Amino acid sequence: TGSAPGAAGNRAAVLGAWIQTVTDIATQQSTATVSGALLSPSADPTPVTIGSARVGAAGVAVASDGGDFLVAWTSPTADGGSLVEVRASRYRAGTGPLDPDGGLVVAAGPGVKSLGGAAFDGAAYLVVWEENGSVRGARVATDGTSEAPFTSDAGPAGTPAVACEAGCLTVFVRPAGDAGDVVARRVDAE
Protein backbone atom coordinates (compact mmCIF):
# COMPACT_ATOMS: atom_id res chain seq x y z
CA THR A 1 0.00 0.00 0.00
CA GLY A 2 1.09 3.56 -0.54
CA SER A 3 0.24 6.66 1.45
CA ALA A 4 0.86 10.36 2.01
CA PRO A 5 2.36 11.56 -1.30
CA GLY A 6 4.36 14.74 -1.83
CA ALA A 7 5.98 16.27 -4.94
CA ALA A 8 8.28 19.09 -6.05
CA GLY A 9 10.00 20.12 -9.27
CA ASN A 10 13.50 21.38 -10.08
CA ARG A 11 13.01 22.78 -13.64
CA ALA A 12 14.24 19.51 -15.21
CA ALA A 13 12.06 16.94 -13.43
CA VAL A 14 9.46 16.41 -10.73
CA LEU A 15 10.01 13.99 -7.86
CA GLY A 16 6.85 12.46 -6.45
CA ALA A 17 7.40 10.50 -3.25
CA TRP A 18 5.32 8.42 -0.84
CA ILE A 19 5.62 5.77 1.87
CA GLN A 20 5.30 2.27 0.38
CA THR A 21 4.38 -0.51 2.84
CA VAL A 22 4.52 -4.15 1.77
CA THR A 23 3.34 -7.13 3.81
CA ASP A 24 4.74 -10.60 3.08
CA ILE A 25 1.69 -12.86 2.95
CA ALA A 26 3.57 -15.93 4.20
CA THR A 27 5.20 -14.30 7.23
CA GLN A 28 2.77 -11.39 7.78
CA GLN A 29 5.85 -9.18 8.25
CA SER A 30 5.61 -5.64 6.91
CA THR A 31 8.39 -3.45 5.56
CA ALA A 32 8.25 0.18 4.49
CA THR A 33 10.26 2.33 2.12
CA VAL A 34 10.20 5.94 1.03
CA SER A 35 9.55 5.39 -2.67
CA GLY A 36 9.02 7.71 -5.57
CA ALA A 37 8.92 8.43 -9.25
CA LEU A 38 11.10 10.88 -11.14
CA LEU A 39 9.04 12.50 -13.88
CA SER A 40 10.60 14.42 -16.76
CA PRO A 41 9.08 15.74 -19.99
CA SER A 42 11.41 13.62 -22.13
CA ALA A 43 11.07 10.19 -20.50
CA ASP A 44 8.70 7.75 -18.86
CA PRO A 45 8.46 7.94 -15.06
CA THR A 46 11.50 6.39 -13.36
CA PRO A 47 10.78 4.51 -10.10
CA VAL A 48 13.21 5.45 -7.31
CA THR A 49 13.85 4.37 -3.74
CA ILE A 50 14.80 7.19 -1.38
CA GLY A 51 15.45 4.80 1.53
CA SER A 52 13.98 2.50 4.09
CA ALA A 53 11.34 3.67 6.56
CA ARG A 54 9.72 2.25 9.65
CA VAL A 55 6.28 0.70 9.34
CA GLY A 56 3.82 3.43 10.32
CA ALA A 57 5.79 6.20 8.60
CA ALA A 58 3.57 8.82 6.98
CA GLY A 59 3.26 12.42 5.88
CA VAL A 60 5.70 12.87 2.98
CA ALA A 61 6.74 16.37 1.83
CA VAL A 62 9.16 17.16 -1.00
CA ALA A 63 11.09 20.35 -1.81
CA SER A 64 13.82 21.19 -4.33
CA ASP A 65 16.72 23.65 -4.29
CA GLY A 66 16.61 23.80 -8.09
CA GLY A 67 18.86 20.74 -8.49
CA ASP A 68 18.52 18.28 -5.62
CA PHE A 69 15.44 17.32 -3.63
CA LEU A 70 14.69 16.98 0.07
CA VAL A 71 12.13 14.34 1.03
CA ALA A 72 10.77 14.60 4.59
CA TRP A 73 8.42 12.25 6.44
CA THR A 74 7.25 11.36 9.92
CA SER A 75 8.25 8.05 11.42
CA PRO A 76 7.58 6.15 14.62
CA THR A 77 10.65 6.10 16.87
CA ALA A 78 12.98 3.11 16.75
CA ASP A 79 11.77 1.80 20.11
CA GLY A 80 8.29 1.24 18.68
CA GLY A 81 6.65 3.62 21.13
CA SER A 82 3.97 6.14 20.32
CA LEU A 83 6.44 9.00 19.72
CA VAL A 84 7.09 10.24 16.20
CA GLU A 85 10.18 11.87 14.75
CA VAL A 86 10.62 13.94 11.61
CA ARG A 87 13.17 12.46 9.19
CA ALA A 88 14.52 13.65 5.82
CA SER A 89 16.77 12.49 3.02
CA ARG A 90 18.30 14.40 0.14
CA TYR A 91 17.94 12.92 -3.35
CA ARG A 92 19.77 13.73 -6.60
CA ALA A 93 18.48 12.61 -10.00
CA GLY A 94 21.06 10.40 -11.69
CA THR A 95 22.86 9.74 -8.37
CA GLY A 96 20.16 8.63 -5.91
CA PRO A 97 19.95 9.19 -2.15
CA LEU A 98 22.64 11.46 -0.70
CA ASP A 99 22.10 10.47 2.95
CA PRO A 100 22.34 7.19 4.88
CA ASP A 101 19.51 4.69 4.47
CA GLY A 102 16.60 5.76 6.67
CA GLY A 103 17.45 9.45 6.34
CA LEU A 104 18.48 12.03 8.89
CA VAL A 105 16.61 12.94 12.08
CA VAL A 106 15.28 16.50 11.77
CA ALA A 107 13.25 16.48 15.01
CA ALA A 108 12.95 13.94 17.80
CA GLY A 109 11.85 13.96 21.40
CA PRO A 110 8.49 13.93 23.12
CA GLY A 111 5.40 14.94 21.24
CA VAL A 112 3.40 13.53 18.38
CA LYS A 113 4.37 15.18 15.11
CA SER A 114 2.25 15.55 11.97
CA LEU A 115 4.17 16.75 8.91
CA GLY A 116 2.97 19.95 7.28
CA GLY A 117 5.32 20.55 4.37
CA ALA A 118 8.76 21.48 3.08
CA ALA A 119 10.10 24.33 0.95
CA PHE A 120 13.44 25.85 -0.08
CA ASP A 121 14.18 29.46 0.90
CA GLY A 122 17.16 30.04 -1.41
CA ALA A 123 19.72 28.97 1.20
CA ALA A 124 18.20 26.01 3.11
CA TYR A 125 15.16 23.78 3.22
CA LEU A 126 12.46 24.53 5.77
CA VAL A 127 10.44 21.59 7.10
CA VAL A 128 7.32 22.34 9.17
CA TRP A 129 5.02 20.17 11.26
CA GLU A 130 2.31 20.33 13.92
CA GLU A 131 3.39 19.11 17.33
CA ASN A 132 1.00 19.07 20.30
CA GLY A 133 -0.99 22.00 18.91
CA SER A 134 2.03 24.13 17.94
CA VAL A 135 3.53 24.83 14.52
CA ARG A 136 7.19 23.81 14.61
CA GLY A 137 9.94 23.90 12.01
CA ALA A 138 13.60 23.20 11.32
CA ARG A 139 15.98 24.23 8.61
CA VAL A 140 18.01 21.59 6.76
CA ALA A 141 21.06 22.82 4.84
CA THR A 142 21.81 21.58 1.34
CA ASP A 143 24.72 19.59 2.84
CA GLY A 144 22.27 17.64 5.05
CA THR A 145 23.03 19.32 8.37
CA SER A 146 20.04 20.58 10.30
CA GLU A 147 19.46 23.28 12.87
CA ALA A 148 17.57 22.81 16.12
CA PRO A 149 13.77 22.83 15.74
CA PHE A 150 11.96 26.08 16.60
CA THR A 151 8.36 27.07 17.31
CA SER A 152 6.77 29.15 14.56
CA ASP A 153 3.44 29.51 16.40
CA ALA A 154 2.64 28.28 19.92
CA GLY A 155 -0.93 27.54 18.92
CA PRO A 156 -3.42 26.25 19.20
CA ALA A 157 -2.72 25.53 15.55
CA GLY A 158 -2.90 22.65 13.12
CA THR A 159 -2.52 21.50 9.51
CA PRO A 160 0.46 23.74 8.64
CA ALA A 161 1.80 24.33 5.15
CA VAL A 162 4.89 26.28 4.06
CA ALA A 163 6.04 28.21 1.01
CA CYS A 164 9.21 30.22 0.39
CA GLU A 165 9.96 33.02 -2.06
CA ALA A 166 11.91 36.01 -0.69
CA GLY A 167 11.28 34.61 2.79
CA CYS A 168 9.08 31.83 4.10
CA LEU A 169 5.47 31.81 5.18
CA THR A 170 3.67 29.17 7.22
CA VAL A 171 -0.09 28.93 6.85
CA PHE A 172 -2.16 27.00 9.38
CA VAL A 173 -5.59 26.70 10.95
CA ARG A 174 -6.29 28.20 14.37
CA PRO A 175 -9.43 26.77 15.99
CA ALA A 176 -12.06 29.45 16.55
CA GLY A 177 -15.54 28.52 17.76
CA ASP A 178 -17.27 26.04 15.46
CA ALA A 179 -14.87 26.71 12.60
CA GLY A 180 -11.33 27.97 12.39
CA ASP A 181 -9.30 30.88 11.15
CA VAL A 182 -6.59 30.51 8.53
CA VAL A 183 -3.47 32.25 9.81
CA ALA A 184 -0.25 33.12 7.95
CA ARG A 185 2.99 33.75 9.78
CA ARG A 186 6.29 34.85 8.27
CA VAL A 187 9.24 32.66 9.26
CA ASP A 188 12.35 34.80 9.31
CA ALA A 189 15.86 33.67 10.20
CA GLU A 190 15.75 32.34 13.74
C-alpha atoms as a PDB file:
ATOM      1  CA  THR A   1       0.000   0.000   0.000  1.00  0.00           C
ATOM      2  CA  GLY A   2       1.088   3.563  -0.540  1.00  0.00           C
ATOM      3  CA  SER A   3       0.242   6.656   1.449  1.00  0.00           C
ATOM      4  CA  ALA A   4       0.857  10.356   2.008  1.00  0.00           C
ATOM      5  CA  PRO A   5       2.360  11.556  -1.297  1.00  0.00           C
ATOM      6  CA  GLY A   6       4.356  14.741  -1.835  1.00  0.00           C
ATOM      7  CA  ALA A   7       5.976  16.266  -4.938  1.00  0.00           C
ATOM      8  CA  ALA A   8       8.279  19.089  -6.052  1.00  0.00           C
ATOM      9  CA  GLY A   9       9.997  20.120  -9.274  1.00  0.00           C
ATOM     10  CA  ASN A  10      13.497  21.384 -10.082  1.00  0.00           C
ATOM     11  CA  ARG A  11      13.006  22.775 -13.636  1.00  0.00           C
ATOM     12  CA  ALA A  12      14.241  19.510 -15.207  1.00  0.00           C
ATOM     13  CA  ALA A  13      12.057  16.941 -13.434  1.00  0.00           C
ATOM     14  CA  VAL A  14       9.465  16.407 -10.730  1.00  0.00           C
ATOM     15  CA  LEU A  15      10.015  13.989  -7.860  1.00  0.00           C
ATOM     16  CA  GLY A  16       6.854  12.464  -6.454  1.00  0.00           C
ATOM     17  CA  ALA A  17       7.399  10.500  -3.245  1.00  0.00           C
ATOM     18  CA  TRP A  18       5.324   8.418  -0.837  1.00  0.00           C
ATOM     19  CA  ILE A  19       5.618   5.769   1.868  1.00  0.00           C
ATOM     20  CA  GLN A  20       5.297   2.270   0.383  1.00  0.00           C
ATOM     21  CA  THR A  21       4.375  -0.506   2.843  1.00  0.00           C
ATOM     22  CA  VAL A  22       4.524  -4.147   1.772  1.00  0.00           C
ATOM     23  CA  THR A  23       3.343  -7.133   3.813  1.00  0.00           C
ATOM     24  CA  ASP A  24       4.738 -10.600   3.081  1.00  0.00           C
ATOM     25  CA  ILE A  25       1.686 -12.856   2.948  1.00  0.00           C
ATOM     26  CA  ALA A  26       3.570 -15.929   4.200  1.00  0.00           C
ATOM     27  CA  THR A  27       5.200 -14.299   7.233  1.00  0.00           C
ATOM     28  CA  GLN A  28       2.774 -11.394   7.782  1.00  0.00           C
ATOM     29  CA  GLN A  29       5.853  -9.176   8.248  1.00  0.00           C
ATOM     30  CA  SER A  30       5.608  -5.642   6.908  1.00  0.00           C
ATOM     31  CA  THR A  31       8.388  -3.447   5.563  1.00  0.00           C
ATOM     32  CA  ALA A  32       8.253   0.182   4.493  1.00  0.00           C
ATOM     33  CA  THR A  33      10.263   2.329   2.116  1.00  0.00           C
ATOM     34  CA  VAL A  34      10.198   5.937   1.029  1.00  0.00           C
ATOM     35  CA  SER A  35       9.547   5.388  -2.673  1.00  0.00           C
ATOM     36  CA  GLY A  36       9.019   7.711  -5.574  1.00  0.00           C
ATOM     37  CA  ALA A  37       8.924   8.427  -9.255  1.00  0.00           C
ATOM     38  CA  LEU A  38      11.099  10.876 -11.137  1.00  0.00           C
ATOM     39  CA  LEU A  39       9.041  12.505 -13.879  1.00  0.00           C
ATOM     40  CA  SER A  40      10.598  14.415 -16.763  1.00  0.00           C
ATOM     41  CA  PRO A  41       9.078  15.742 -19.993  1.00  0.00           C
ATOM     42  CA  SER A  42      11.406  13.616 -22.125  1.00  0.00           C
ATOM     43  CA  ALA A  43      11.068  10.186 -20.500  1.00  0.00           C
ATOM     44  CA  ASP A  44       8.701   7.752 -18.861  1.00  0.00           C
ATOM     45  CA  PRO A  45       8.465   7.941 -15.058  1.00  0.00           C
ATOM     46  CA  THR A  46      11.496   6.393 -13.358  1.00  0.00           C
ATOM     47  CA  PRO A  47      10.782   4.508 -10.099  1.00  0.00           C
ATOM     48  CA  VAL A  48      13.205   5.455  -7.311  1.00  0.00           C
ATOM     49  CA  THR A  49      13.847   4.374  -3.739  1.00  0.00           C
ATOM     50  CA  ILE A  50      14.802   7.185  -1.381  1.00  0.00           C
ATOM     51  CA  GLY A  51      15.445   4.804   1.527  1.00  0.00           C
ATOM     52  CA  SER A  52      13.975   2.501   4.094  1.00  0.00           C
ATOM     53  CA  ALA A  53      11.335   3.674   6.560  1.00  0.00           C
ATOM     54  CA  ARG A  54       9.718   2.251   9.647  1.00  0.00           C
ATOM     55  CA  VAL A  55       6.279   0.698   9.341  1.00  0.00           C
ATOM     56  CA  GLY A  56       3.824   3.426  10.320  1.00  0.00           C
ATOM     57  CA  ALA A  57       5.785   6.196   8.601  1.00  0.00           C
ATOM     58  CA  ALA A  58       3.571   8.822   6.979  1.00  0.00           C
ATOM     59  CA  GLY A  59       3.263  12.420   5.883  1.00  0.00           C
ATOM     60  CA  VAL A  60       5.698  12.865   2.981  1.00  0.00           C
ATOM     61  CA  ALA A  61       6.737  16.366   1.832  1.00  0.00           C
ATOM     62  CA  VAL A  62       9.161  17.157  -1.000  1.00  0.00           C
ATOM     63  CA  ALA A  63      11.093  20.349  -1.807  1.00  0.00           C
ATOM     64  CA  SER A  64      13.817  21.194  -4.331  1.00  0.00           C
ATOM     65  CA  ASP A  65      16.718  23.647  -4.286  1.00  0.00           C
ATOM     66  CA  GLY A  66      16.608  23.798  -8.086  1.00  0.00           C
ATOM     67  CA  GLY A  67      18.861  20.740  -8.488  1.00  0.00           C
ATOM     68  CA  ASP A  68      18.524  18.282  -5.623  1.00  0.00           C
ATOM     69  CA  PHE A  69      15.436  17.324  -3.627  1.00  0.00           C
ATOM     70  CA  LEU A  70      14.691  16.977   0.075  1.00  0.00           C
ATOM     71  CA  VAL A  71      12.129  14.343   1.026  1.00  0.00           C
ATOM     72  CA  ALA A  72      10.770  14.602   4.586  1.00  0.00           C
ATOM     73  CA  TRP A  73       8.419  12.251   6.436  1.00  0.00           C
ATOM     74  CA  THR A  74       7.250  11.362   9.923  1.00  0.00           C
ATOM     75  CA  SER A  75       8.253   8.054  11.425  1.00  0.00           C
ATOM     76  CA  PRO A  76       7.585   6.147  14.625  1.00  0.00           C
ATOM     77  CA  THR A  77      10.647   6.102  16.868  1.00  0.00           C
ATOM     78  CA  ALA A  78      12.979   3.108  16.750  1.00  0.00           C
ATOM     79  CA  ASP A  79      11.766   1.800  20.114  1.00  0.00           C
ATOM     80  CA  GLY A  80       8.287   1.235  18.677  1.00  0.00           C
ATOM     81  CA  GLY A  81       6.653   3.624  21.132  1.00  0.00           C
ATOM     82  CA  SER A  82       3.966   6.142  20.320  1.00  0.00           C
ATOM     83  CA  LEU A  83       6.436   9.000  19.721  1.00  0.00           C
ATOM     84  CA  VAL A  84       7.087  10.241  16.203  1.00  0.00           C
ATOM     85  CA  GLU A  85      10.184  11.869  14.747  1.00  0.00           C
ATOM     86  CA  VAL A  86      10.615  13.943  11.608  1.00  0.00           C
ATOM     87  CA  ARG A  87      13.165  12.461   9.191  1.00  0.00           C
ATOM     88  CA  ALA A  88      14.518  13.649   5.825  1.00  0.00           C
ATOM     89  CA  SER A  89      16.766  12.492   3.023  1.00  0.00           C
ATOM     90  CA  ARG A  90      18.303  14.401   0.140  1.00  0.00           C
ATOM     91  CA  TYR A  91      17.943  12.921  -3.346  1.00  0.00           C
ATOM     92  CA  ARG A  92      19.768  13.729  -6.597  1.00  0.00           C
ATOM     93  CA  ALA A  93      18.478  12.612  -9.996  1.00  0.00           C
ATOM     94  CA  GLY A  94      21.060  10.403 -11.686  1.00  0.00           C
ATOM     95  CA  THR A  95      22.859   9.736  -8.368  1.00  0.00           C
ATOM     96  CA  GLY A  96      20.156   8.629  -5.913  1.00  0.00           C
ATOM     97  CA  PRO A  97      19.945   9.190  -2.152  1.00  0.00           C
ATOM     98  CA  LEU A  98      22.642  11.462  -0.699  1.00  0.00           C
ATOM     99  CA  ASP A  99      22.099  10.465   2.950  1.00  0.00           C
ATOM    100  CA  PRO A 100      22.340   7.190   4.882  1.00  0.00           C
ATOM    101  CA  ASP A 101      19.511   4.692   4.469  1.00  0.00           C
ATOM    102  CA  GLY A 102      16.604   5.759   6.672  1.00  0.00           C
ATOM    103  CA  GLY A 103      17.452   9.448   6.345  1.00  0.00           C
ATOM    104  CA  LEU A 104      18.479  12.031   8.893  1.00  0.00           C
ATOM    105  CA  VAL A 105      16.614  12.935  12.077  1.00  0.00           C
ATOM    106  CA  VAL A 106      15.275  16.501  11.769  1.00  0.00           C
ATOM    107  CA  ALA A 107      13.247  16.479  15.013  1.00  0.00           C
ATOM    108  CA  ALA A 108      12.953  13.937  17.800  1.00  0.00           C
ATOM    109  CA  GLY A 109      11.845  13.959  21.395  1.00  0.00           C
ATOM    110  CA  PRO A 110       8.492  13.925  23.122  1.00  0.00           C
ATOM    111  CA  GLY A 111       5.397  14.942  21.236  1.00  0.00           C
ATOM    112  CA  VAL A 112       3.398  13.534  18.377  1.00  0.00           C
ATOM    113  CA  LYS A 113       4.367  15.183  15.110  1.00  0.00           C
ATOM    114  CA  SER A 114       2.252  15.554  11.974  1.00  0.00           C
ATOM    115  CA  LEU A 115       4.171  16.745   8.914  1.00  0.00           C
ATOM    116  CA  GLY A 116       2.968  19.949   7.278  1.00  0.00           C
ATOM    117  CA  GLY A 117       5.321  20.554   4.371  1.00  0.00           C
ATOM    118  CA  ALA A 118       8.763  21.479   3.079  1.00  0.00           C
ATOM    119  CA  ALA A 119      10.097  24.334   0.955  1.00  0.00           C
ATOM    120  CA  PHE A 120      13.441  25.847  -0.085  1.00  0.00           C
ATOM    121  CA  ASP A 121      14.179  29.463   0.895  1.00  0.00           C
ATOM    122  CA  GLY A 122      17.164  30.042  -1.406  1.00  0.00           C
ATOM    123  CA  ALA A 123      19.721  28.967   1.204  1.00  0.00           C
ATOM    124  CA  ALA A 124      18.200  26.008   3.105  1.00  0.00           C
ATOM    125  CA  TYR A 125      15.162  23.779   3.216  1.00  0.00           C
ATOM    126  CA  LEU A 126      12.458  24.534   5.771  1.00  0.00           C
ATOM    127  CA  VAL A 127      10.435  21.586   7.100  1.00  0.00           C
ATOM    128  CA  VAL A 128       7.316  22.344   9.169  1.00  0.00           C
ATOM    129  CA  TRP A 129       5.016  20.168  11.260  1.00  0.00           C
ATOM    130  CA  GLU A 130       2.315  20.334  13.918  1.00  0.00           C
ATOM    131  CA  GLU A 131       3.390  19.112  17.333  1.00  0.00           C
ATOM    132  CA  ASN A 132       1.003  19.065  20.298  1.00  0.00           C
ATOM    133  CA  GLY A 133      -0.994  21.998  18.906  1.00  0.00           C
ATOM    134  CA  SER A 134       2.031  24.133  17.942  1.00  0.00           C
ATOM    135  CA  VAL A 135       3.529  24.826  14.519  1.00  0.00           C
ATOM    136  CA  ARG A 136       7.193  23.809  14.608  1.00  0.00           C
ATOM    137  CA  GLY A 137       9.942  23.898  12.012  1.00  0.00           C
ATOM    138  CA  ALA A 138      13.595  23.197  11.322  1.00  0.00           C
ATOM    139  CA  ARG A 139      15.985  24.227   8.608  1.00  0.00           C
ATOM    140  CA  VAL A 140      18.012  21.592   6.759  1.00  0.00           C
ATOM    141  CA  ALA A 141      21.060  22.824   4.841  1.00  0.00           C
ATOM    142  CA  THR A 142      21.811  21.579   1.337  1.00  0.00           C
ATOM    143  CA  ASP A 143      24.720  19.586   2.838  1.00  0.00           C
ATOM    144  CA  GLY A 144      22.271  17.642   5.051  1.00  0.00           C
ATOM    145  CA  THR A 145      23.031  19.320   8.373  1.00  0.00           C
ATOM    146  CA  SER A 146      20.040  20.581  10.304  1.00  0.00           C
ATOM    147  CA  GLU A 147      19.457  23.279  12.868  1.00  0.00           C
ATOM    148  CA  ALA A 148      17.565  22.809  16.124  1.00  0.00           C
ATOM    149  CA  PRO A 149      13.770  22.832  15.736  1.00  0.00           C
ATOM    150  CA  PHE A 150      11.962  26.078  16.600  1.00  0.00           C
ATOM    151  CA  THR A 151       8.360  27.071  17.313  1.00  0.00           C
ATOM    152  CA  SER A 152       6.767  29.155  14.558  1.00  0.00           C
ATOM    153  CA  ASP A 153       3.440  29.514  16.397  1.00  0.00           C
ATOM    154  CA  ALA A 154       2.641  28.275  19.917  1.00  0.00           C
ATOM    155  CA  GLY A 155      -0.933  27.541  18.919  1.00  0.00           C
ATOM    156  CA  PRO A 156      -3.417  26.252  19.203  1.00  0.00           C
ATOM    157  CA  ALA A 157      -2.723  25.534  15.549  1.00  0.00           C
ATOM    158  CA  GLY A 158      -2.897  22.653  13.120  1.00  0.00           C
ATOM    159  CA  THR A 159      -2.517  21.500   9.508  1.00  0.00           C
ATOM    160  CA  PRO A 160       0.462  23.739   8.635  1.00  0.00           C
ATOM    161  CA  ALA A 161       1.803  24.334   5.149  1.00  0.00           C
ATOM    162  CA  VAL A 162       4.894  26.280   4.063  1.00  0.00           C
ATOM    163  CA  ALA A 163       6.040  28.209   1.006  1.00  0.00           C
ATOM    164  CA  CYS A 164       9.208  30.217   0.389  1.00  0.00           C
ATOM    165  CA  GLU A 165       9.961  33.022  -2.057  1.00  0.00           C
ATOM    166  CA  ALA A 166      11.905  36.005  -0.693  1.00  0.00           C
ATOM    167  CA  GLY A 167      11.284  34.614   2.795  1.00  0.00           C
ATOM    168  CA  CYS A 168       9.081  31.827   4.100  1.00  0.00           C
ATOM    169  CA  LEU A 169       5.465  31.814   5.175  1.00  0.00           C
ATOM    170  CA  THR A 170       3.673  29.167   7.221  1.00  0.00           C
ATOM    171  CA  VAL A 171      -0.086  28.930   6.847  1.00  0.00           C
ATOM    172  CA  PHE A 172      -2.164  27.001   9.378  1.00  0.00           C
ATOM    173  CA  VAL A 173      -5.592  26.703  10.954  1.00  0.00           C
ATOM    174  CA  ARG A 174      -6.287  28.198  14.370  1.00  0.00           C
ATOM    175  CA  PRO A 175      -9.429  26.766  15.993  1.00  0.00           C
ATOM    176  CA  ALA A 176     -12.063  29.455  16.555  1.00  0.00           C
ATOM    177  CA  GLY A 177     -15.535  28.519  17.765  1.00  0.00           C
ATOM    178  CA  ASP A 178     -17.272  26.042  15.462  1.00  0.00           C
ATOM    179  CA  ALA A 179     -14.868  26.705  12.599  1.00  0.00           C
ATOM    180  CA  GLY A 180     -11.330  27.971  12.386  1.00  0.00           C
ATOM    181  CA  ASP A 181      -9.298  30.876  11.154  1.00  0.00           C
ATOM    182  CA  VAL A 182      -6.586  30.512   8.533  1.00  0.00           C
ATOM    183  CA  VAL A 183      -3.468  32.254   9.807  1.00  0.00           C
ATOM    184  CA  ALA A 184      -0.253  33.124   7.951  1.00  0.00           C
ATOM    185  CA  ARG A 185       2.990  33.748   9.782  1.00  0.00           C
ATOM    186  CA  ARG A 186       6.293  34.850   8.274  1.00  0.00           C
ATOM    187  CA  VAL A 187       9.237  32.655   9.260  1.00  0.00           C
ATOM    188  CA  ASP A 188      12.352  34.795   9.315  1.00  0.00           C
ATOM    189  CA  ALA A 189      15.857  33.666  10.198  1.00  0.00           C
ATOM    190  CA  GLU A 190      15.753  32.341  13.737  1.00  0.00           C
END
